């Protein structure tokens, strides 16, 4: 039947057109200018120089209360006391792991003019997830 052949021809032509368009589109992404493929955040040898963060009074207080001798236990005790005052449950799980990483890396971060406690506060405020887990 000629109408069946005509319908099959149209569907094959449509499929071929879609494959061709998809091929051109994917080639366009591959051939994108280098500026579009570059990372949006520049990596610096001097470490974390701060950046966008969500300021929170607890983190600010931590940074002002302690100095370079602050430990992970000090940070946990500080936030546990704040949480207890607010009637919140004790910290547990992944927030503690993230917090330990921030405290450990605070000695290596490169924010000029900040002591270790201030660098920890900056790191906490730089993570919306951690900040919400510590304060809510």
N, C-alpha and C. Protein backbone atom coordinates (compact mmCIF):
# COMPACT_ATOMS: atom_id res chain seq x y z
N UNK A 1 0.85 -1.18 0.00
CA UNK A 1 0.00 0.00 0.00
C UNK A 1 0.89 1.24 0.00
N UNK A 2 0.71 2.15 -0.93
CA UNK A 2 1.55 3.34 -1.05
C UNK A 2 1.44 4.26 0.17
N UNK A 3 0.28 4.31 0.82
CA UNK A 3 0.14 5.21 1.98
C UNK A 3 0.99 4.72 3.16
N UNK A 4 1.13 3.40 3.33
CA UNK A 4 1.97 2.85 4.40
C UNK A 4 3.43 3.18 4.12
N UNK A 5 3.85 3.03 2.85
CA UNK A 5 5.24 3.36 2.48
C UNK A 5 5.52 4.84 2.70
N UNK A 6 4.55 5.68 2.37
CA UNK A 6 4.72 7.12 2.53
C UNK A 6 4.85 7.47 4.03
N UNK A 7 4.02 6.84 4.88
CA UNK A 7 4.08 7.09 6.33
C UNK A 7 5.41 6.64 6.90
N UNK A 8 5.91 5.47 6.46
CA UNK A 8 7.21 4.99 6.94
C UNK A 8 8.33 5.91 6.49
N UNK A 9 8.24 6.39 5.27
CA UNK A 9 9.26 7.30 4.75
C UNK A 9 9.31 8.58 5.59
N UNK A 10 8.13 9.09 5.93
CA UNK A 10 8.07 10.30 6.74
C UNK A 10 8.66 10.07 8.14
N UNK A 11 8.33 8.94 8.76
CA UNK A 11 8.85 8.68 10.10
C UNK A 11 10.35 8.45 10.07
N UNK A 12 10.85 7.79 9.01
CA UNK A 12 12.30 7.61 8.87
C UNK A 12 12.98 8.95 8.64
N UNK A 13 12.37 9.79 7.83
CA UNK A 13 12.94 11.11 7.56
C UNK A 13 12.95 11.95 8.84
N UNK A 14 11.87 11.87 9.62
CA UNK A 14 11.81 12.61 10.88
C UNK A 14 12.88 12.12 11.84
N UNK A 15 13.03 10.81 11.94
CA UNK A 15 14.06 10.25 12.82
C UNK A 15 15.45 10.69 12.38
N UNK A 16 15.71 10.66 11.08
CA UNK A 16 17.02 11.07 10.56
C UNK A 16 17.27 12.55 10.85
N UNK A 17 16.23 13.36 10.71
CA UNK A 17 16.36 14.78 10.99
C UNK A 17 16.69 15.02 12.46
N UNK A 18 15.99 14.31 13.35
CA UNK A 18 16.27 14.45 14.79
C UNK A 18 17.69 14.01 15.13
N UNK A 19 18.13 12.91 14.57
CA UNK A 19 19.50 12.43 14.81
C UNK A 19 20.50 13.47 14.32
N UNK A 20 20.24 14.03 13.15
CA UNK A 20 21.14 15.05 12.60
C UNK A 20 21.18 16.29 13.47
N UNK A 21 20.01 16.75 13.93
CA UNK A 21 19.97 17.92 14.80
C UNK A 21 20.67 17.66 16.12
N UNK A 22 20.45 16.47 16.67
CA UNK A 22 21.12 16.10 17.92
C UNK A 22 22.63 16.09 17.73
N UNK A 23 23.06 15.55 16.62
CA UNK A 23 24.50 15.50 16.33
C UNK A 23 25.10 16.89 16.23
N UNK A 24 24.38 17.82 15.57
CA UNK A 24 24.88 19.19 15.46
C UNK A 24 24.91 19.87 16.82
N UNK A 25 23.87 19.63 17.60
CA UNK A 25 23.81 20.25 18.93
C UNK A 25 24.94 19.75 19.81
N UNK A 26 25.19 18.46 19.78
CA UNK A 26 26.26 17.94 20.63
C UNK A 26 27.62 18.40 20.15
N UNK A 27 27.79 18.57 18.84
CA UNK A 27 29.05 19.10 18.33
C UNK A 27 29.24 20.54 18.76
N UNK A 28 28.12 21.26 18.85
CA UNK A 28 28.20 22.65 19.30
C UNK A 28 28.72 22.74 20.73
N UNK A 29 28.34 21.82 21.57
CA UNK A 29 28.83 21.84 22.94
C UNK A 29 30.31 21.49 22.99
N UNK A 30 30.72 20.57 22.17
CA UNK A 30 32.14 20.18 22.14
C UNK A 30 32.99 21.32 21.62
N UNK A 31 32.45 22.06 20.65
CA UNK A 31 33.22 23.12 20.02
C UNK A 31 33.04 24.47 20.71
N UNK A 32 32.50 24.47 21.91
CA UNK A 32 32.27 25.73 22.63
C UNK A 32 33.61 26.42 22.88
N UNK A 33 33.61 27.74 22.87
CA UNK A 33 34.86 28.48 23.13
C UNK A 33 35.44 28.11 24.48
N UNK A 34 36.74 28.20 24.58
CA UNK A 34 37.44 27.82 25.82
C UNK A 34 36.94 28.62 27.01
N UNK A 35 36.57 29.87 26.79
CA UNK A 35 36.10 30.71 27.89
C UNK A 35 34.84 30.14 28.53
N UNK A 36 34.02 29.48 27.74
CA UNK A 36 32.80 28.89 28.28
C UNK A 36 33.08 27.59 29.02
N UNK A 37 34.17 26.93 28.71
CA UNK A 37 34.50 25.66 29.35
C UNK A 37 35.36 25.84 30.59
N UNK A 38 35.88 27.03 30.82
CA UNK A 38 36.76 27.28 31.96
C UNK A 38 35.97 27.23 33.26
N UNK A 39 36.64 26.80 34.34
CA UNK A 39 35.94 26.81 35.63
C UNK A 39 35.60 28.24 36.03
N UNK A 40 34.52 28.38 36.75
CA UNK A 40 34.08 29.71 37.17
C UNK A 40 34.85 30.22 38.37
N UNK A 41 35.49 29.33 39.10
CA UNK A 41 36.22 29.72 40.30
C UNK A 41 37.70 29.52 40.03
N UNK A 42 38.48 30.55 40.25
CA UNK A 42 39.91 30.45 40.04
C UNK A 42 40.57 29.80 41.26
N UNK A 43 41.54 28.95 41.01
CA UNK A 43 42.27 28.29 42.09
C UNK A 43 43.53 29.09 42.36
N UNK A 44 43.77 29.39 43.61
CA UNK A 44 44.94 30.18 44.00
C UNK A 44 45.86 29.35 44.87
N UNK A 45 47.15 29.51 44.68
CA UNK A 45 48.14 28.77 45.45
C UNK A 45 48.12 29.17 46.92
N UNK A 46 47.68 30.40 47.21
CA UNK A 46 47.72 30.84 48.59
C UNK A 46 46.56 30.33 49.44
N UNK A 47 45.70 29.52 48.91
CA UNK A 47 44.62 28.90 49.68
C UNK A 47 43.33 29.69 49.64
N UNK A 48 42.46 29.40 50.57
CA UNK A 48 41.15 30.04 50.62
C UNK A 48 41.30 31.46 51.15
N UNK A 49 40.93 32.40 50.34
CA UNK A 49 41.00 33.80 50.76
C UNK A 49 39.63 34.33 51.14
N UNK A 50 38.77 33.45 51.58
CA UNK A 50 37.42 33.87 51.94
C UNK A 50 36.54 33.90 50.71
N UNK A 51 35.39 34.43 50.83
CA UNK A 51 34.47 34.50 49.72
C UNK A 51 33.06 34.66 50.25
N UNK A 52 32.10 34.29 49.43
CA UNK A 52 30.71 34.42 49.83
C UNK A 52 30.43 33.54 51.04
N UNK A 53 29.68 34.06 51.97
CA UNK A 53 29.29 33.26 53.11
C UNK A 53 28.01 33.84 53.71
N UNK A 54 27.39 33.04 54.55
CA UNK A 54 26.17 33.42 55.23
C UNK A 54 26.54 33.77 56.66
N UNK A 55 26.59 35.04 56.97
CA UNK A 55 27.02 35.48 58.30
C UNK A 55 26.02 35.01 59.35
N UNK A 56 26.56 34.48 60.43
CA UNK A 56 25.71 34.03 61.53
C UNK A 56 26.36 34.47 62.84
N UNK A 57 25.55 34.97 63.78
CA UNK A 57 26.15 35.49 65.03
C UNK A 57 26.93 34.45 65.82
N UNK A 58 26.52 33.19 65.78
CA UNK A 58 27.26 32.16 66.52
C UNK A 58 28.66 32.00 65.95
N UNK A 59 28.76 31.93 64.63
CA UNK A 59 30.08 31.77 64.00
C UNK A 59 30.93 33.01 64.23
N UNK A 60 30.30 34.18 64.16
CA UNK A 60 31.04 35.41 64.41
C UNK A 60 31.57 35.44 65.85
N UNK A 61 30.74 35.02 66.79
CA UNK A 61 31.17 34.96 68.20
C UNK A 61 32.33 33.98 68.38
N UNK A 62 32.25 32.83 67.73
CA UNK A 62 33.34 31.85 67.80
C UNK A 62 34.64 32.49 67.33
N UNK A 63 34.58 33.18 66.20
CA UNK A 63 35.78 33.80 65.65
C UNK A 63 36.36 34.88 66.53
N UNK A 64 35.51 35.56 67.29
CA UNK A 64 35.97 36.63 68.17
C UNK A 64 36.40 36.14 69.55
N UNK A 65 35.88 34.99 69.96
CA UNK A 65 36.13 34.48 71.31
C UNK A 65 37.46 33.73 71.43
N UNK A 66 37.85 33.05 70.37
CA UNK A 66 39.05 32.20 70.41
C UNK A 66 40.13 32.76 69.50
N UNK A 67 41.30 32.17 69.60
CA UNK A 67 42.43 32.58 68.78
C UNK A 67 43.03 31.40 68.04
N UNK A 68 44.35 31.42 67.89
CA UNK A 68 45.04 30.36 67.14
C UNK A 68 45.11 29.04 67.90
N UNK A 69 44.83 29.05 69.19
CA UNK A 69 44.94 27.81 69.98
C UNK A 69 43.63 27.02 70.03
N UNK A 70 42.63 27.41 69.27
CA UNK A 70 41.34 26.72 69.28
C UNK A 70 41.49 25.29 68.73
N UNK A 71 40.75 24.37 69.33
CA UNK A 71 40.78 22.97 68.89
C UNK A 71 39.41 22.55 68.39
N UNK A 72 39.36 21.39 67.77
CA UNK A 72 38.08 20.82 67.32
C UNK A 72 37.13 20.67 68.50
N UNK A 73 37.64 20.17 69.63
CA UNK A 73 36.79 20.01 70.82
C UNK A 73 36.23 21.35 71.30
N UNK A 74 37.04 22.41 71.22
CA UNK A 74 36.55 23.74 71.60
C UNK A 74 35.37 24.16 70.71
N UNK A 75 35.51 23.92 69.42
CA UNK A 75 34.46 24.31 68.47
C UNK A 75 33.18 23.52 68.75
N UNK A 76 33.32 22.21 68.95
CA UNK A 76 32.14 21.38 69.22
C UNK A 76 31.48 21.83 70.53
N UNK A 77 32.27 22.04 71.58
CA UNK A 77 31.71 22.47 72.86
C UNK A 77 31.00 23.82 72.73
N UNK A 78 31.59 24.72 71.95
CA UNK A 78 30.98 26.03 71.74
C UNK A 78 29.60 25.88 71.10
N UNK A 79 29.52 25.12 70.01
CA UNK A 79 28.24 24.97 69.32
C UNK A 79 27.25 24.12 70.12
N UNK A 80 27.73 23.14 70.85
CA UNK A 80 26.83 22.35 71.70
C UNK A 80 26.19 23.23 72.77
N UNK A 81 26.97 24.13 73.36
CA UNK A 81 26.43 25.04 74.38
C UNK A 81 25.37 25.97 73.77
N UNK A 82 25.65 26.49 72.60
CA UNK A 82 24.69 27.36 71.91
C UNK A 82 23.41 26.59 71.59
N UNK A 83 23.57 25.36 71.11
CA UNK A 83 22.41 24.53 70.76
C UNK A 83 21.58 24.21 72.00
N UNK A 84 22.27 23.92 73.10
CA UNK A 84 21.56 23.60 74.34
C UNK A 84 20.74 24.81 74.82
N UNK A 85 21.33 26.01 74.73
CA UNK A 85 20.62 27.23 75.10
C UNK A 85 19.33 27.40 74.29
N UNK A 86 19.36 26.96 73.04
CA UNK A 86 18.21 27.09 72.15
C UNK A 86 17.27 25.88 72.20
N UNK A 87 17.61 24.89 73.02
CA UNK A 87 16.77 23.70 73.13
C UNK A 87 16.90 22.75 71.95
N UNK A 88 18.05 22.79 71.27
CA UNK A 88 18.29 21.92 70.11
C UNK A 88 19.00 20.64 70.55
N UNK A 89 18.87 19.61 69.73
CA UNK A 89 19.50 18.32 70.00
C UNK A 89 21.02 18.42 69.81
N UNK A 90 21.79 17.55 70.47
CA UNK A 90 23.25 17.53 70.27
C UNK A 90 23.62 17.21 68.82
N UNK A 91 24.78 17.67 68.44
CA UNK A 91 25.29 17.41 67.09
C UNK A 91 25.67 15.95 66.93
N UNK A 92 25.47 15.41 65.73
CA UNK A 92 25.92 14.05 65.44
C UNK A 92 26.02 13.88 63.93
N UNK A 93 26.79 12.89 63.52
CA UNK A 93 26.86 12.51 62.11
C UNK A 93 27.71 13.41 61.24
N UNK A 94 27.26 13.58 60.00
CA UNK A 94 28.07 14.25 58.98
C UNK A 94 28.43 15.70 59.31
N UNK A 95 27.60 16.48 60.01
CA UNK A 95 28.06 17.83 60.35
C UNK A 95 29.35 17.83 61.16
N UNK A 96 29.51 16.84 62.04
CA UNK A 96 30.75 16.77 62.83
C UNK A 96 31.95 16.43 61.95
N UNK A 97 31.73 15.58 60.96
CA UNK A 97 32.82 15.23 60.04
C UNK A 97 33.25 16.45 59.24
N UNK A 98 32.27 17.19 58.73
CA UNK A 98 32.57 18.40 57.95
C UNK A 98 33.26 19.42 58.84
N UNK A 99 32.75 19.59 60.04
CA UNK A 99 33.33 20.55 60.98
C UNK A 99 34.78 20.18 61.30
N UNK A 100 35.05 18.91 61.49
CA UNK A 100 36.42 18.48 61.78
C UNK A 100 37.35 18.81 60.62
N UNK A 101 36.86 18.64 59.40
CA UNK A 101 37.66 19.00 58.22
C UNK A 101 37.96 20.48 58.17
N UNK A 102 36.98 21.29 58.50
CA UNK A 102 37.19 22.75 58.50
C UNK A 102 38.21 23.15 59.56
N UNK A 103 38.09 22.56 60.74
CA UNK A 103 39.03 22.89 61.83
C UNK A 103 40.45 22.44 61.45
N UNK A 104 40.56 21.24 60.92
CA UNK A 104 41.87 20.72 60.52
C UNK A 104 42.50 21.58 59.43
N UNK A 105 41.70 21.96 58.45
CA UNK A 105 42.23 22.75 57.32
C UNK A 105 42.43 24.22 57.64
N UNK A 106 41.90 24.68 58.76
CA UNK A 106 42.03 26.09 59.11
C UNK A 106 43.49 26.49 59.32
N UNK A 107 44.32 25.55 59.72
CA UNK A 107 45.74 25.86 59.92
C UNK A 107 46.44 26.10 58.58
N UNK A 108 45.87 25.56 57.50
CA UNK A 108 46.52 25.66 56.20
C UNK A 108 45.91 26.73 55.31
N UNK A 109 44.76 27.26 55.70
CA UNK A 109 44.09 28.23 54.83
C UNK A 109 44.85 29.54 54.85
N UNK A 110 44.65 30.32 53.81
CA UNK A 110 45.50 31.49 53.64
C UNK A 110 44.83 32.83 53.78
N UNK A 111 43.79 32.95 54.60
CA UNK A 111 43.16 34.25 54.74
C UNK A 111 44.07 35.17 55.55
N UNK A 112 44.56 36.22 54.92
CA UNK A 112 45.47 37.12 55.63
C UNK A 112 44.75 37.89 56.74
N UNK A 113 45.44 38.07 57.86
CA UNK A 113 44.92 38.86 58.96
C UNK A 113 43.90 38.15 59.83
N UNK A 114 43.68 36.85 59.62
CA UNK A 114 42.72 36.11 60.44
C UNK A 114 43.46 35.09 61.30
N UNK A 115 42.99 34.94 62.54
CA UNK A 115 43.54 33.87 63.36
C UNK A 115 42.79 32.58 63.03
N UNK A 116 43.21 31.48 63.65
CA UNK A 116 42.64 30.18 63.33
C UNK A 116 41.13 30.15 63.60
N UNK A 117 40.69 30.71 64.72
CA UNK A 117 39.26 30.70 65.05
C UNK A 117 38.45 31.48 64.01
N UNK A 118 38.99 32.59 63.54
CA UNK A 118 38.29 33.37 62.52
C UNK A 118 38.23 32.63 61.19
N UNK A 119 39.30 31.89 60.87
CA UNK A 119 39.28 31.09 59.64
C UNK A 119 38.28 29.95 59.75
N UNK A 120 38.14 29.37 60.95
CA UNK A 120 37.13 28.32 61.16
C UNK A 120 35.74 28.92 61.00
N UNK A 121 35.50 30.07 61.61
CA UNK A 121 34.20 30.73 61.49
C UNK A 121 33.89 31.03 60.03
N UNK A 122 34.88 31.49 59.29
CA UNK A 122 34.71 31.78 57.86
C UNK A 122 34.36 30.51 57.10
N UNK A 123 35.04 29.41 57.43
CA UNK A 123 34.76 28.13 56.76
C UNK A 123 33.36 27.62 57.07
N UNK A 124 32.93 27.78 58.31
CA UNK A 124 31.58 27.36 58.71
C UNK A 124 30.54 28.17 57.95
N UNK A 125 30.75 29.46 57.90
CA UNK A 125 29.80 30.34 57.23
C UNK A 125 29.80 30.15 55.72
N UNK A 126 30.85 29.55 55.18
CA UNK A 126 30.93 29.28 53.76
C UNK A 126 30.14 28.05 53.34
N UNK A 127 29.64 27.30 54.30
CA UNK A 127 28.87 26.10 54.00
C UNK A 127 27.45 26.27 54.54
N UNK A 128 26.51 26.55 53.64
CA UNK A 128 25.13 26.76 54.10
C UNK A 128 24.59 25.49 54.77
N UNK A 129 24.99 24.31 54.26
CA UNK A 129 24.54 23.06 54.88
C UNK A 129 25.04 22.96 56.31
N UNK A 130 26.35 23.14 56.50
CA UNK A 130 26.91 23.01 57.84
C UNK A 130 26.35 24.06 58.78
N UNK A 131 26.27 25.28 58.31
CA UNK A 131 25.74 26.36 59.15
C UNK A 131 24.32 26.05 59.61
N UNK A 132 23.50 25.55 58.69
CA UNK A 132 22.12 25.22 59.09
C UNK A 132 22.09 24.04 60.07
N UNK A 133 22.97 23.07 59.87
CA UNK A 133 23.03 21.92 60.78
C UNK A 133 23.52 22.31 62.17
N UNK A 134 24.41 23.29 62.25
CA UNK A 134 24.95 23.72 63.54
C UNK A 134 23.97 24.60 64.30
N UNK A 135 23.15 25.36 63.58
CA UNK A 135 22.35 26.40 64.23
C UNK A 135 20.85 26.15 64.23
N UNK A 136 20.39 25.10 63.59
CA UNK A 136 18.93 24.86 63.55
C UNK A 136 18.58 23.53 64.15
